[in-house]
Amino acid sequence: MTSHSVHVLLPNDIDDPAAPSGGNIYDRRICQGLAVQGFSVHEQAARGTWPQPSPSDRSDFSGVLGKVPDGSVTLVDGLIASAVPDLLQPHARRLRLVVLMHMPLANTLEGQALSSAVAIVTTSRWARGRLLELYGLPAERVHAAPPGVDEASVAPGSPGGSRLLCVAAVAPNKGHDILVEALASLGSHPFWNCVCVGSLDRDPSFVELVRRRAAQAGIAGRLRFCGARTGADLEAAYAEADLLVLPSRGETYGMVVTEALARGIPVLASDVSGVHEALGRAPGGALPGILVPRKIAQFAWQS
């Protein structure tokens, strides 16, 4: 085992085209980047329904962890680590555990998992600050590695300049109910339609709630849910967009924000968590979009 070897323990759906997410993309790019830098990457998929593993999932993960050679740098996705701190702790002395945190959960299990790590990597400066605030971790152990973004062609947009695009799994934390409420407030304004690209399988009851609210507001015909899209299909959705809307209740960073900006698409997003960091500043110092204040963004309908 050389000092340039890294064992990476990831959720088993990282490459599932039916479950695309910023976290999965980030994990995959981390593995690719380590390989490009000359590291020997030993990737292991942890079978299970993370972050709520079954007893058999826990047993399988324990077996995978037990086979990692002593002294190895072992990078564990936070979705896994925060669910099984009791399985990490027995290996804390023999492995150099590094936890990759996507979204701080602010709970006891997460704190226990992080206490076993020699280093913690977060996907934004906001998340780093949040972990330091929550757990009083030594600052030198917590590092921020915000994601980059690939170069892309400028999106031509729609002929009428009226196409809104939301790229996010349809789930409560992504705030599609907030989006429907905002679109309903436009009344009979004729110049908009909205395409929602994202998994419809995370929370079917929430999907039904959003569809019902859209129908009640009379906008169901102008709001299209396409399901998960990747590759050329996702590129086509960006190419037709005139405005990216992101109504999330929380984002560690918000990779879809940078993906939109790389294509010249302005952004309208909730001013929560790390979204401001992802939006950044234009060369002249202005925001390349609009951030909706937190109190408005956290509004939720009662079902």
Protein backbone atom coordinates (compact mmCIF):
# COMPACT_ATOMS: atom_id res chain seq x y z
CA MET A 1 0.00 0.00 0.00
CA THR A 2 1.49 3.33 -1.09
CA SER A 3 0.92 6.76 0.35
CA HIS A 4 -0.81 7.64 -2.94
CA SER A 5 -3.61 5.13 -2.51
CA VAL A 6 -7.12 6.20 -1.50
CA HIS A 7 -10.04 3.96 -0.63
CA VAL A 8 -13.38 5.65 -1.39
CA LEU A 9 -16.64 4.34 0.09
CA LEU A 10 -19.69 5.67 -1.76
CA PRO A 11 -23.46 5.09 -1.89
CA ASN A 12 -24.35 2.40 -4.38
CA ASP A 13 -26.51 4.69 -6.55
CA ILE A 14 -23.70 7.08 -7.46
CA ASP A 15 -23.91 6.24 -11.18
CA ASP A 16 -27.64 5.49 -11.36
CA PRO A 17 -29.06 7.58 -14.25
CA ALA A 18 -32.48 7.44 -12.57
CA ALA A 19 -31.13 9.18 -9.45
CA PRO A 20 -28.88 12.03 -10.60
CA SER A 21 -27.87 14.54 -7.94
CA GLY A 22 -25.25 17.15 -7.32
CA GLY A 23 -23.82 14.96 -4.56
CA ASN A 24 -23.40 11.98 -6.85
CA ILE A 25 -21.80 14.12 -9.55
CA TYR A 26 -19.43 15.64 -6.99
CA ASP A 27 -18.40 12.20 -5.68
CA ARG A 28 -17.74 10.91 -9.17
CA ARG A 29 -15.64 13.94 -10.07
CA ILE A 30 -13.66 13.60 -6.84
CA CYS A 31 -12.73 10.05 -7.80
CA GLN A 32 -11.79 11.12 -11.31
CA GLY A 33 -9.77 14.07 -10.02
CA LEU A 34 -7.82 11.93 -7.56
CA ALA A 35 -6.94 9.52 -10.36
CA VAL A 36 -5.76 12.38 -12.59
CA GLN A 37 -3.56 13.61 -9.74
CA GLY A 38 -1.82 10.23 -9.65
CA PHE A 39 -3.65 8.57 -6.77
CA SER A 40 -4.59 4.92 -6.97
CA VAL A 41 -8.32 5.05 -6.26
CA HIS A 42 -9.96 1.94 -4.80
CA GLU A 43 -13.68 2.57 -5.03
CA GLN A 44 -16.24 0.60 -3.06
CA ALA A 45 -20.01 0.96 -3.44
CA ALA A 46 -21.85 0.61 -0.14
CA ARG A 47 -25.06 -1.28 -0.80
CA GLY A 48 -28.01 0.10 1.09
CA THR A 49 -30.79 2.63 1.50
CA TRP A 50 -28.62 5.45 2.83
CA PRO A 51 -29.01 7.34 5.11
CA GLN A 52 -31.39 4.74 6.58
CA PRO A 53 -29.56 1.43 6.18
CA SER A 54 -31.11 -1.89 7.03
CA PRO A 55 -29.33 -4.34 9.39
CA SER A 56 -28.00 -6.21 6.36
CA ASP A 57 -26.75 -2.94 4.83
CA ARG A 58 -24.87 -2.19 8.04
CA SER A 59 -23.39 -5.67 8.07
CA ASP A 60 -22.24 -5.37 4.46
CA PHE A 61 -20.66 -1.96 5.10
CA SER A 62 -18.87 -3.26 8.17
CA GLY A 63 -17.43 -6.05 6.04
CA VAL A 64 -16.27 -3.61 3.35
CA LEU A 65 -14.64 -1.34 5.93
CA GLY A 66 -12.94 -4.28 7.63
CA LYS A 67 -11.17 -5.25 4.39
CA VAL A 68 -9.51 -1.84 3.94
CA PRO A 69 -5.78 -2.28 4.75
CA ASP A 70 -4.36 -0.69 7.89
CA GLY A 71 -3.06 2.84 7.49
CA SER A 72 -5.11 3.55 4.37
CA VAL A 73 -6.56 6.96 3.58
CA THR A 74 -10.28 6.14 3.49
CA LEU A 75 -12.73 8.69 2.12
CA VAL A 76 -16.31 8.02 3.25
CA ASP A 77 -19.32 9.85 1.84
CA GLY A 78 -21.11 11.73 4.63
CA LEU A 79 -24.45 10.16 3.72
CA ILE A 80 -22.97 6.85 4.87
CA ALA A 81 -20.73 8.08 7.67
CA SER A 82 -23.48 10.00 9.44
CA ALA A 83 -25.67 6.90 9.53
CA VAL A 84 -23.15 4.46 11.03
CA PRO A 85 -20.70 6.27 13.35
CA ASP A 86 -20.59 3.18 15.56
CA LEU A 87 -19.13 1.20 12.65
CA LEU A 88 -16.51 3.87 11.90
CA GLN A 89 -15.24 4.35 15.44
CA PRO A 90 -13.58 0.90 15.83
CA HIS A 91 -11.50 1.68 12.72
CA ALA A 92 -10.53 5.24 13.66
CA ARG A 93 -7.13 4.20 15.00
CA ARG A 94 -6.09 1.91 12.16
CA LEU A 95 -7.42 3.96 9.18
CA ARG A 96 -6.99 7.58 8.17
CA LEU A 97 -10.70 8.33 7.89
CA VAL A 98 -11.80 11.34 5.84
CA VAL A 99 -15.50 12.24 5.72
CA LEU A 100 -16.89 14.01 2.65
CA MET A 101 -19.82 16.11 3.91
CA HIS A 102 -22.40 17.29 1.42
CA MET A 103 -25.09 18.67 3.74
CA PRO A 104 -24.66 19.21 7.49
CA LEU A 105 -27.45 17.36 9.31
CA ALA A 106 -26.93 18.85 12.77
CA ASN A 107 -27.52 15.67 14.73
CA THR A 108 -25.73 13.52 17.28
CA LEU A 109 -24.85 10.71 14.87
CA GLU A 110 -23.18 13.14 12.50
CA GLY A 111 -21.12 14.64 15.31
CA GLN A 112 -20.00 11.17 16.39
CA ALA A 113 -18.98 10.28 12.83
CA LEU A 114 -16.96 13.45 12.40
CA SER A 115 -15.14 12.85 15.68
CA SER A 116 -13.68 9.67 14.15
CA ALA A 117 -12.22 11.49 11.12
CA VAL A 118 -8.71 12.86 10.76
CA ALA A 119 -10.10 15.29 8.17
CA ILE A 120 -13.45 16.50 6.87
CA VAL A 121 -14.08 17.86 3.39
CA THR A 122 -17.12 20.03 2.73
CA THR A 123 -18.53 21.08 -0.62
CA SER A 124 -18.78 24.78 0.25
CA ARG A 125 -17.33 27.38 2.56
CA TRP A 126 -20.80 27.77 4.06
CA ALA A 127 -20.87 24.09 5.02
CA ARG A 128 -17.41 24.28 6.54
CA GLY A 129 -18.48 27.19 8.72
CA ARG A 130 -21.67 25.38 9.70
CA LEU A 131 -19.78 22.27 10.86
CA LEU A 132 -17.36 24.38 12.89
CA GLU A 133 -20.32 26.14 14.49
CA LEU A 134 -22.20 22.93 15.24
CA TYR A 135 -19.45 20.72 16.62
CA GLY A 136 -16.53 22.90 17.66
CA LEU A 137 -14.18 20.92 15.43
CA PRO A 138 -10.53 21.98 15.08
CA ALA A 139 -10.52 24.38 12.12
CA GLU A 140 -7.41 22.77 10.61
CA ARG A 141 -9.29 19.47 10.21
CA VAL A 142 -12.17 20.89 8.16
CA HIS A 143 -11.58 21.87 4.53
CA ALA A 144 -13.86 23.39 1.89
CA ALA A 145 -13.62 22.15 -1.70
CA PRO A 146 -16.41 23.87 -3.68
CA PRO A 147 -17.25 22.19 -6.99
CA GLY A 148 -16.17 23.70 -10.26
CA VAL A 149 -18.24 23.77 -13.43
CA ASP A 150 -17.52 22.66 -16.98
CA GLU A 151 -17.39 25.18 -19.78
CA ALA A 152 -20.59 25.24 -21.82
CA SER A 153 -22.07 27.00 -24.82
CA VAL A 154 -24.36 29.95 -24.21
CA ALA A 155 -27.97 28.79 -24.13
CA PRO A 156 -29.99 30.26 -27.02
CA GLY A 157 -33.16 30.19 -24.89
CA SER A 158 -36.72 30.05 -26.10
CA PRO A 159 -38.09 32.17 -28.98
CA GLY A 160 -40.37 34.13 -26.65
CA GLY A 161 -37.98 34.40 -23.71
CA SER A 162 -40.60 32.82 -21.46
CA ARG A 163 -39.15 29.44 -20.47
CA LEU A 164 -38.41 28.82 -16.78
CA LEU A 165 -36.35 25.81 -15.76
CA CYS A 166 -36.07 24.12 -12.36
CA VAL A 167 -33.47 21.35 -12.05
CA ALA A 168 -34.00 19.47 -8.80
CA ALA A 169 -35.55 16.27 -7.51
CA VAL A 170 -39.17 16.93 -6.60
CA ALA A 171 -38.94 16.69 -2.81
CA PRO A 172 -39.85 18.98 0.12
CA ASN A 173 -36.31 20.32 0.63
CA LYS A 174 -36.21 21.52 -2.99
CA GLY A 175 -39.29 23.70 -2.51
CA HIS A 176 -41.45 22.95 -5.54
CA ASP A 177 -44.48 23.89 -3.44
CA ILE A 178 -42.91 27.33 -3.01
CA LEU A 179 -42.41 27.52 -6.77
CA VAL A 180 -46.06 26.67 -7.46
CA GLU A 181 -47.22 29.31 -4.99
CA ALA A 182 -44.99 31.92 -6.65
CA LEU A 183 -46.12 31.02 -10.17
CA ALA A 184 -49.76 31.05 -9.10
CA SER A 185 -49.30 34.66 -7.97
CA LEU A 186 -48.62 35.65 -11.58
CA GLY A 187 -52.31 35.23 -12.28
CA SER A 188 -53.22 35.26 -15.96
CA HIS A 189 -49.89 36.67 -17.13
CA PRO A 190 -49.46 34.89 -20.47
CA PHE A 191 -45.73 34.96 -20.88
CA TRP A 192 -44.34 32.02 -18.95
CA ASN A 193 -44.12 28.26 -18.81
CA CYS A 194 -41.97 26.16 -16.50
CA VAL A 195 -40.18 22.85 -16.99
CA CYS A 196 -39.18 20.90 -13.87
CA VAL A 197 -36.38 18.42 -14.46
CA GLY A 198 -35.72 16.05 -11.58
CA SER A 199 -36.59 12.70 -10.07
CA LEU A 200 -40.23 12.08 -9.21
CA ASP A 201 -39.42 9.05 -7.05
CA ARG A 202 -37.91 10.61 -3.92
CA ASP A 203 -41.23 11.51 -2.28
CA PRO A 204 -44.30 10.49 -4.34
CA SER A 205 -46.74 11.98 -1.81
CA PHE A 206 -45.05 15.37 -2.14
CA VAL A 207 -45.13 15.10 -5.92
CA GLU A 208 -48.87 14.50 -5.70
CA LEU A 209 -49.27 17.49 -3.37
CA VAL A 210 -47.43 19.78 -5.79
CA ARG A 211 -49.46 18.54 -8.77
CA ARG A 212 -52.70 19.04 -6.84
CA ARG A 213 -51.76 22.57 -5.78
CA ALA A 214 -50.82 23.44 -9.36
CA ALA A 215 -54.20 22.18 -10.57
CA GLN A 216 -56.03 24.14 -7.87
CA ALA A 217 -54.14 27.27 -8.89
CA GLY A 218 -55.04 26.74 -12.55
CA ILE A 219 -51.45 26.50 -13.75
CA ALA A 220 -51.04 22.73 -14.21
CA GLY A 221 -51.01 23.11 -17.99
CA ARG A 222 -48.05 25.49 -17.84
CA LEU A 223 -45.95 23.48 -15.39
CA ARG A 224 -44.35 20.33 -16.82
CA PHE A 225 -42.63 17.64 -14.73
CA CYS A 226 -40.18 15.71 -16.90
CA GLY A 227 -38.54 13.40 -14.38
CA ALA A 228 -34.79 12.88 -14.13
CA ARG A 229 -32.68 13.92 -17.11
CA THR A 230 -28.97 13.47 -17.80
CA GLY A 231 -26.57 13.92 -20.70
CA ALA A 232 -27.98 15.30 -23.94
CA ASP A 233 -31.53 15.47 -22.55
CA LEU A 234 -30.43 17.71 -19.68
CA GLU A 235 -28.35 19.83 -22.05
CA ALA A 236 -31.41 20.32 -24.23
CA ALA A 237 -33.41 21.53 -21.22
CA TYR A 238 -30.72 24.09 -20.38
CA ALA A 239 -30.49 25.20 -24.03
CA GLU A 240 -34.19 26.13 -24.08
CA ALA A 241 -34.17 27.93 -20.71
CA ASP A 242 -34.40 31.69 -20.21
CA LEU A 243 -34.29 31.65 -16.41
CA LEU A 244 -33.23 29.05 -13.85
CA VAL A 245 -35.45 28.96 -10.75
CA LEU A 246 -34.25 27.23 -7.58
CA PRO A 247 -36.77 27.50 -4.70
CA SER A 248 -34.84 25.24 -2.30
CA ARG A 249 -35.22 25.44 1.45
CA GLY A 250 -31.53 24.61 1.77
CA GLU A 251 -28.53 23.93 -0.48
CA THR A 252 -24.99 23.24 0.63
CA TYR A 253 -23.85 24.90 -2.58
CA GLY A 254 -26.22 24.57 -5.55
CA MET A 255 -24.36 23.14 -8.54
CA VAL A 256 -27.29 23.83 -10.87
CA VAL A 257 -26.71 27.53 -10.23
CA THR A 258 -23.18 27.41 -11.62
CA GLU A 259 -24.30 25.14 -14.47
CA ALA A 260 -26.89 27.73 -15.48
CA LEU A 261 -24.46 30.63 -15.22
CA ALA A 262 -21.92 28.76 -17.35
CA ARG A 263 -24.57 28.81 -20.09
CA GLY A 264 -25.42 32.47 -19.64
CA ILE A 265 -28.77 31.71 -17.97
CA PRO A 266 -29.73 34.13 -15.17
CA VAL A 267 -30.79 32.69 -11.83
CA LEU A 268 -33.69 33.30 -9.45
CA ALA A 269 -33.07 31.35 -6.24
CA SER A 270 -33.77 31.17 -2.53
CA ASP A 271 -31.19 33.01 -0.44
CA VAL A 272 -30.45 29.99 1.78
CA SER A 273 -27.35 28.17 2.97
CA GLY A 274 -24.64 28.04 0.28
CA VAL A 275 -26.64 29.36 -2.69
CA HIS A 276 -25.17 32.85 -2.37
CA GLU A 277 -21.70 31.31 -2.60
CA ALA A 278 -22.62 29.42 -5.78
CA LEU A 279 -24.14 32.52 -7.39
CA GLY A 280 -21.01 34.55 -6.77
CA ARG A 281 -20.51 37.94 -8.38
CA ALA A 282 -20.27 39.22 -11.92
CA PRO A 283 -16.99 40.94 -12.92
CA GLY A 284 -18.48 44.33 -12.02
CA GLY A 285 -19.56 43.12 -8.58
CA ALA A 286 -23.27 42.67 -9.28
CA LEU A 287 -25.17 39.47 -8.57
CA PRO A 288 -25.80 37.50 -11.80
CA GLY A 289 -29.34 36.82 -10.64
CA ILE A 290 -31.83 37.48 -7.85
CA LEU A 291 -31.90 35.87 -4.41
CA VAL A 292 -35.26 35.63 -2.64
CA PRO A 293 -35.07 36.41 1.10
CA ARG A 294 -34.95 33.43 3.44
CA LYS A 295 -38.31 34.05 5.17
CA ILE A 296 -40.15 33.98 1.87
CA ALA A 297 -38.22 30.95 0.63
CA GLN A 298 -39.08 28.95 3.74
CA PHE A 299 -42.82 29.46 3.33
CA ALA A 300 -44.68 26.14 2.96
CA TRP A 301 -48.24 25.22 2.31
CA GLN A 302 -50.08 23.03 4.73
CA SER A 303 -51.29 19.87 3.04
